[in-house]
């Protein structure tokens, strides 16, 4: 069995720096319609149709 690859260590993020600027930037990106649908899925009134969805 080959040796396991070393996992990359993620850097720590200073979320509270610059008056929480990164938090607000993340919220702004999440609330964009394209990102919201990807992250949260469709709403109850939206029906998934594999023949018309692109």
PDB file of N, CA and C in Angstrom:
ATOM      1  N   UNK A   1       0.847  -1.170   0.000  1.00  0.00           N
ATOM      2  CA  UNK A   1       0.000   0.000   0.000  1.00  0.00           C
ATOM      3  C   UNK A   1       0.897   1.238   0.000  1.00  0.00           C
ATOM      4  N   UNK A   2       0.614   2.216  -0.890  1.00  0.00           N
ATOM      5  CA  UNK A   2       1.468   3.411  -0.954  1.00  0.00           C
ATOM      6  C   UNK A   2       1.307   4.275   0.293  1.00  0.00           C
ATOM      7  N   UNK A   3       2.342   5.038   0.630  1.00  0.00           N
ATOM      8  CA  UNK A   3       2.244   5.908   1.814  1.00  0.00           C
ATOM      9  C   UNK A   3       1.197   7.002   1.602  1.00  0.00           C
ATOM     10  N   UNK A   4       0.587   7.416   2.697  1.00  0.00           N
ATOM     11  CA  UNK A   4      -0.437   8.461   2.625  1.00  0.00           C
ATOM     12  C   UNK A   4       0.220   9.802   2.323  1.00  0.00           C
ATOM     13  N   UNK A   5      -0.488  10.615   1.543  1.00  0.00           N
ATOM     14  CA  UNK A   5       0.009  11.949   1.235  1.00  0.00           C
ATOM     15  C   UNK A   5      -0.222  12.851   2.439  1.00  0.00           C
ATOM     16  N   UNK A   6       0.688  13.769   2.641  1.00  0.00           N
ATOM     17  CA  UNK A   6       0.546  14.721   3.744  1.00  0.00           C
ATOM     18  C   UNK A   6      -0.594  15.680   3.431  1.00  0.00           C
ATOM     19  N   UNK A   7      -1.425  15.933   4.416  1.00  0.00           N
ATOM     20  CA  UNK A   7      -2.541  16.857   4.233  1.00  0.00           C
ATOM     21  C   UNK A   7      -2.043  18.284   4.409  1.00  0.00           C
ATOM     22  N   UNK A   8      -2.586  19.177   3.601  1.00  0.00           N
ATOM     23  CA  UNK A   8      -2.227  20.590   3.697  1.00  0.00           C
ATOM     24  C   UNK A   8      -2.869  21.181   4.946  1.00  0.00           C
ATOM     25  N   UNK A   9      -2.120  21.983   5.648  1.00  0.00           N
ATOM     26  CA  UNK A   9      -2.626  22.633   6.852  1.00  0.00           C
ATOM     27  C   UNK A   9      -3.265  23.956   6.446  1.00  0.00           C
ATOM     28  N   UNK A  10      -4.506  24.155   6.850  1.00  0.00           N
ATOM     29  CA  UNK A  10      -5.194  25.400   6.534  1.00  0.00           C
ATOM     30  C   UNK A  10      -4.732  26.501   7.477  1.00  0.00           C
ATOM     31  N   UNK A  11      -4.509  27.684   6.939  1.00  0.00           N
ATOM     32  CA  UNK A  11      -4.090  28.787   7.808  1.00  0.00           C
ATOM     33  C   UNK A  11      -5.260  29.262   8.664  1.00  0.00           C
ATOM     34  N   UNK A  12      -4.944  29.836   9.806  1.00  0.00           N
ATOM     35  CA  UNK A  12      -6.012  30.377  10.645  1.00  0.00           C
ATOM     36  C   UNK A  12      -6.485  31.694  10.033  1.00  0.00           C
ATOM     37  N   UNK A  13      -7.757  31.970  10.196  1.00  0.00           N
ATOM     38  CA  UNK A  13      -8.355  33.181   9.634  1.00  0.00           C
ATOM     39  C   UNK A  13      -8.753  34.092  10.777  1.00  0.00           C
ATOM     40  N   UNK A  14      -8.312  35.330  10.713  1.00  0.00           N
ATOM     41  CA  UNK A  14      -8.653  36.312  11.746  1.00  0.00           C
ATOM     42  C   UNK A  14     -10.000  36.941  11.379  1.00  0.00           C
ATOM     43  N   UNK A  15     -11.086  36.253  11.726  1.00  0.00           N
ATOM     44  CA  UNK A  15     -12.424  36.719  11.374  1.00  0.00           C
ATOM     45  C   UNK A  15     -12.766  38.051  12.042  1.00  0.00           C
ATOM     46  N   UNK A  16     -12.175  38.323  13.193  1.00  0.00           N
ATOM     47  CA  UNK A  16     -12.520  39.546  13.920  1.00  0.00           C
ATOM     48  C   UNK A  16     -11.635  40.742  13.558  1.00  0.00           C
ATOM     49  N   UNK A  17     -10.722  40.580  12.616  1.00  0.00           N
ATOM     50  CA  UNK A  17      -9.845  41.689  12.217  1.00  0.00           C
ATOM     51  C   UNK A  17     -10.620  42.717  11.394  1.00  0.00           C
ATOM     52  N   UNK A  18     -10.173  43.949  11.436  1.00  0.00           N
ATOM     53  CA  UNK A  18     -10.775  45.050  10.658  1.00  0.00           C
ATOM     54  C   UNK A  18     -12.279  45.158  10.872  1.00  0.00           C
ATOM     55  N   UNK A  19     -12.689  45.140  12.125  1.00  0.00           N
ATOM     56  CA  UNK A  19     -14.104  45.300  12.476  1.00  0.00           C
ATOM     57  C   UNK A  19     -14.973  44.250  11.771  1.00  0.00           C
ATOM     58  N   UNK A  20     -14.497  43.001  11.776  1.00  0.00           N
ATOM     59  CA  UNK A  20     -15.219  41.855  11.203  1.00  0.00           C
ATOM     60  C   UNK A  20     -15.449  41.989   9.699  1.00  0.00           C
ATOM     61  N   UNK A  21     -14.521  42.588   8.981  1.00  0.00           N
ATOM     62  CA  UNK A  21     -14.677  42.809   7.543  1.00  0.00           C
ATOM     63  C   UNK A  21     -14.847  41.497   6.780  1.00  0.00           C
ATOM     64  N   UNK A  22     -14.105  40.456   7.160  1.00  0.00           N
ATOM     65  CA  UNK A  22     -14.236  39.177   6.461  1.00  0.00           C
ATOM     66  C   UNK A  22     -15.609  38.550   6.673  1.00  0.00           C
ATOM     67  N   UNK A  23     -16.179  38.723   7.839  1.00  0.00           N
ATOM     68  CA  UNK A  23     -17.516  38.184   8.115  1.00  0.00           C
ATOM     69  C   UNK A  23     -18.534  38.853   7.193  1.00  0.00           C
ATOM     70  N   UNK A  24     -18.469  40.176   7.097  1.00  0.00           N
ATOM     71  CA  UNK A  24     -19.419  40.905   6.256  1.00  0.00           C
ATOM     72  C   UNK A  24     -19.200  40.598   4.779  1.00  0.00           C
ATOM     73  N   UNK A  25     -17.961  40.387   4.388  1.00  0.00           N
ATOM     74  CA  UNK A  25     -17.674  40.022   3.001  1.00  0.00           C
ATOM     75  C   UNK A  25     -18.252  38.641   2.692  1.00  0.00           C
ATOM     76  N   UNK A  26     -18.127  37.710   3.624  1.00  0.00           N
ATOM     77  CA  UNK A  26     -18.690  36.374   3.450  1.00  0.00           C
ATOM     78  C   UNK A  26     -20.211  36.435   3.366  1.00  0.00           C
ATOM     79  N   UNK A  27     -20.844  37.210   4.232  1.00  0.00           N
ATOM     80  CA  UNK A  27     -22.304  37.348   4.205  1.00  0.00           C
ATOM     81  C   UNK A  27     -22.759  37.939   2.874  1.00  0.00           C
ATOM     82  N   UNK A  28     -22.028  38.919   2.360  1.00  0.00           N
ATOM     83  CA  UNK A  28     -22.379  39.525   1.072  1.00  0.00           C
ATOM     84  C   UNK A  28     -22.308  38.502  -0.055  1.00  0.00           C
ATOM     85  N   UNK A  29     -21.309  37.628  -0.023  1.00  0.00           N
ATOM     86  CA  UNK A  29     -21.183  36.599  -1.056  1.00  0.00           C
ATOM     87  C   UNK A  29     -22.270  35.535  -0.924  1.00  0.00           C
ATOM     88  N   UNK A  30     -22.588  35.137   0.292  1.00  0.00           N
ATOM     89  CA  UNK A  30     -23.602  34.103   0.518  1.00  0.00           C
ATOM     90  C   UNK A  30     -24.973  34.573   0.054  1.00  0.00           C
ATOM     91  N   UNK A  31     -25.291  35.847   0.253  1.00  0.00           N
ATOM     92  CA  UNK A  31     -26.626  36.339  -0.073  1.00  0.00           C
ATOM     93  C   UNK A  31     -26.825  36.647  -1.553  1.00  0.00           C
ATOM     94  N   UNK A  32     -25.803  36.511  -2.373  1.00  0.00           N
ATOM     95  CA  UNK A  32     -25.989  36.655  -3.819  1.00  0.00           C
ATOM     96  C   UNK A  32     -26.850  35.489  -4.293  1.00  0.00           C
ATOM     97  N   UNK A  33     -27.822  35.745  -5.170  1.00  0.00           N
ATOM     98  CA  UNK A  33     -28.755  34.686  -5.587  1.00  0.00           C
ATOM     99  C   UNK A  33     -28.074  33.415  -6.103  1.00  0.00           C
ATOM    100  N   UNK A  34     -27.035  33.537  -6.898  1.00  0.00           N
ATOM    101  CA  UNK A  34     -26.370  32.348  -7.440  1.00  0.00           C
ATOM    102  C   UNK A  34     -25.726  31.520  -6.333  1.00  0.00           C
ATOM    103  N   UNK A  35     -25.103  32.169  -5.374  1.00  0.00           N
ATOM    104  CA  UNK A  35     -24.447  31.452  -4.282  1.00  0.00           C
ATOM    105  C   UNK A  35     -25.456  30.909  -3.284  1.00  0.00           C
ATOM    106  N   UNK A  36     -26.532  31.647  -3.050  1.00  0.00           N
ATOM    107  CA  UNK A  36     -27.547  31.216  -2.096  1.00  0.00           C
ATOM    108  C   UNK A  36     -28.181  29.903  -2.539  1.00  0.00           C
ATOM    109  N   UNK A  37     -28.465  29.777  -3.827  1.00  0.00           N
ATOM    110  CA  UNK A  37     -29.087  28.553  -4.330  1.00  0.00           C
ATOM    111  C   UNK A  37     -28.120  27.374  -4.215  1.00  0.00           C
ATOM    112  N   UNK A  38     -26.851  27.608  -4.474  1.00  0.00           N
ATOM    113  CA  UNK A  38     -25.859  26.535  -4.380  1.00  0.00           C
ATOM    114  C   UNK A  38     -25.682  26.086  -2.934  1.00  0.00           C
ATOM    115  N   UNK A  39     -25.616  27.037  -2.014  1.00  0.00           N
ATOM    116  CA  UNK A  39     -25.369  26.710  -0.611  1.00  0.00           C
ATOM    117  C   UNK A  39     -26.602  26.186   0.116  1.00  0.00           C
ATOM    118  N   UNK A  40     -27.758  26.741  -0.185  1.00  0.00           N
ATOM    119  CA  UNK A  40     -28.966  26.408   0.576  1.00  0.00           C
ATOM    120  C   UNK A  40     -29.956  25.553  -0.197  1.00  0.00           C
ATOM    121  N   UNK A  41     -29.773  25.389  -1.473  1.00  0.00           N
ATOM    122  CA  UNK A  41     -30.696  24.590  -2.268  1.00  0.00           C
ATOM    123  C   UNK A  41     -31.911  25.388  -2.694  1.00  0.00           C
ATOM    124  N   UNK A  42     -32.834  24.688  -3.309  1.00  0.00           N
ATOM    125  CA  UNK A  42     -34.042  25.338  -3.800  1.00  0.00           C
ATOM    126  C   UNK A  42     -35.026  25.552  -2.664  1.00  0.00           C
ATOM    127  N   UNK A  43     -35.892  26.528  -2.840  1.00  0.00           N
ATOM    128  CA  UNK A  43     -36.930  26.776  -1.845  1.00  0.00           C
ATOM    129  C   UNK A  43     -38.074  25.788  -2.043  1.00  0.00           C
ATOM    130  N   UNK A  44     -39.006  25.749  -1.119  1.00  0.00           N
ATOM    131  CA  UNK A  44     -40.106  24.790  -1.177  1.00  0.00           C
ATOM    132  C   UNK A  44     -40.957  24.958  -2.433  1.00  0.00           C
ATOM    133  N   UNK A  45     -41.153  26.194  -2.890  1.00  0.00           N
ATOM    134  CA  UNK A  45     -42.023  26.402  -4.045  1.00  0.00           C
ATOM    135  C   UNK A  45     -41.323  26.134  -5.380  1.00  0.00           C
ATOM    136  N   UNK A  46     -40.020  25.919  -5.375  1.00  0.00           N
ATOM    137  CA  UNK A  46     -39.304  25.603  -6.607  1.00  0.00           C
ATOM    138  C   UNK A  46     -39.284  24.096  -6.808  1.00  0.00           C
ATOM    139  N   UNK A  47     -39.641  23.674  -8.006  1.00  0.00           N
ATOM    140  CA  UNK A  47     -39.685  22.255  -8.328  1.00  0.00           C
ATOM    141  C   UNK A  47     -38.514  21.932  -9.240  1.00  0.00           C
ATOM    142  N   UNK A  48     -37.823  20.860  -8.938  1.00  0.00           N
ATOM    143  CA  UNK A  48     -36.702  20.445  -9.763  1.00  0.00           C
ATOM    144  C   UNK A  48     -37.220  19.613 -10.928  1.00  0.00           C
ATOM    145  N   UNK A  49     -36.854  20.000 -12.137  1.00  0.00           N
ATOM    146  CA  UNK A  49     -37.247  19.263 -13.324  1.00  0.00           C
ATOM    147  C   UNK A  49     -35.984  18.986 -14.125  1.00  0.00           C
ATOM    148  N   UNK A  50     -35.567  17.731 -14.210  1.00  0.00           N
ATOM    149  CA  UNK A  50     -34.306  17.414 -14.895  1.00  0.00           C
ATOM    150  C   UNK A  50     -34.330  17.734 -16.387  1.00  0.00           C
ATOM    151  N   UNK A  51     -35.524  17.902 -16.979  1.00  0.00           N
ATOM    152  CA  UNK A  51     -35.607  18.181 -18.406  1.00  0.00           C
ATOM    153  C   UNK A  51     -35.507  19.670 -18.718  1.00  0.00           C
ATOM    154  N   UNK A  52     -35.813  20.536 -17.742  1.00  0.00           N
ATOM    155  CA  UNK A  52     -35.763  21.972 -18.001  1.00  0.00           C
ATOM    156  C   UNK A  52     -34.682  22.677 -17.206  1.00  0.00           C
ATOM    157  N   UNK A  53     -34.180  22.083 -16.123  1.00  0.00           N
ATOM    158  CA  UNK A  53     -33.126  22.706 -15.320  1.00  0.00           C
ATOM    159  C   UNK A  53     -31.822  22.701 -16.098  1.00  0.00           C
ATOM    160  N   UNK A  54     -31.121  23.796 -16.009  1.00  0.00           N
ATOM    161  CA  UNK A  54     -29.824  23.876 -16.698  1.00  0.00           C
ATOM    162  C   UNK A  54     -28.736  24.061 -15.698  1.00  0.00           C
TER     163      UNK A  54
END
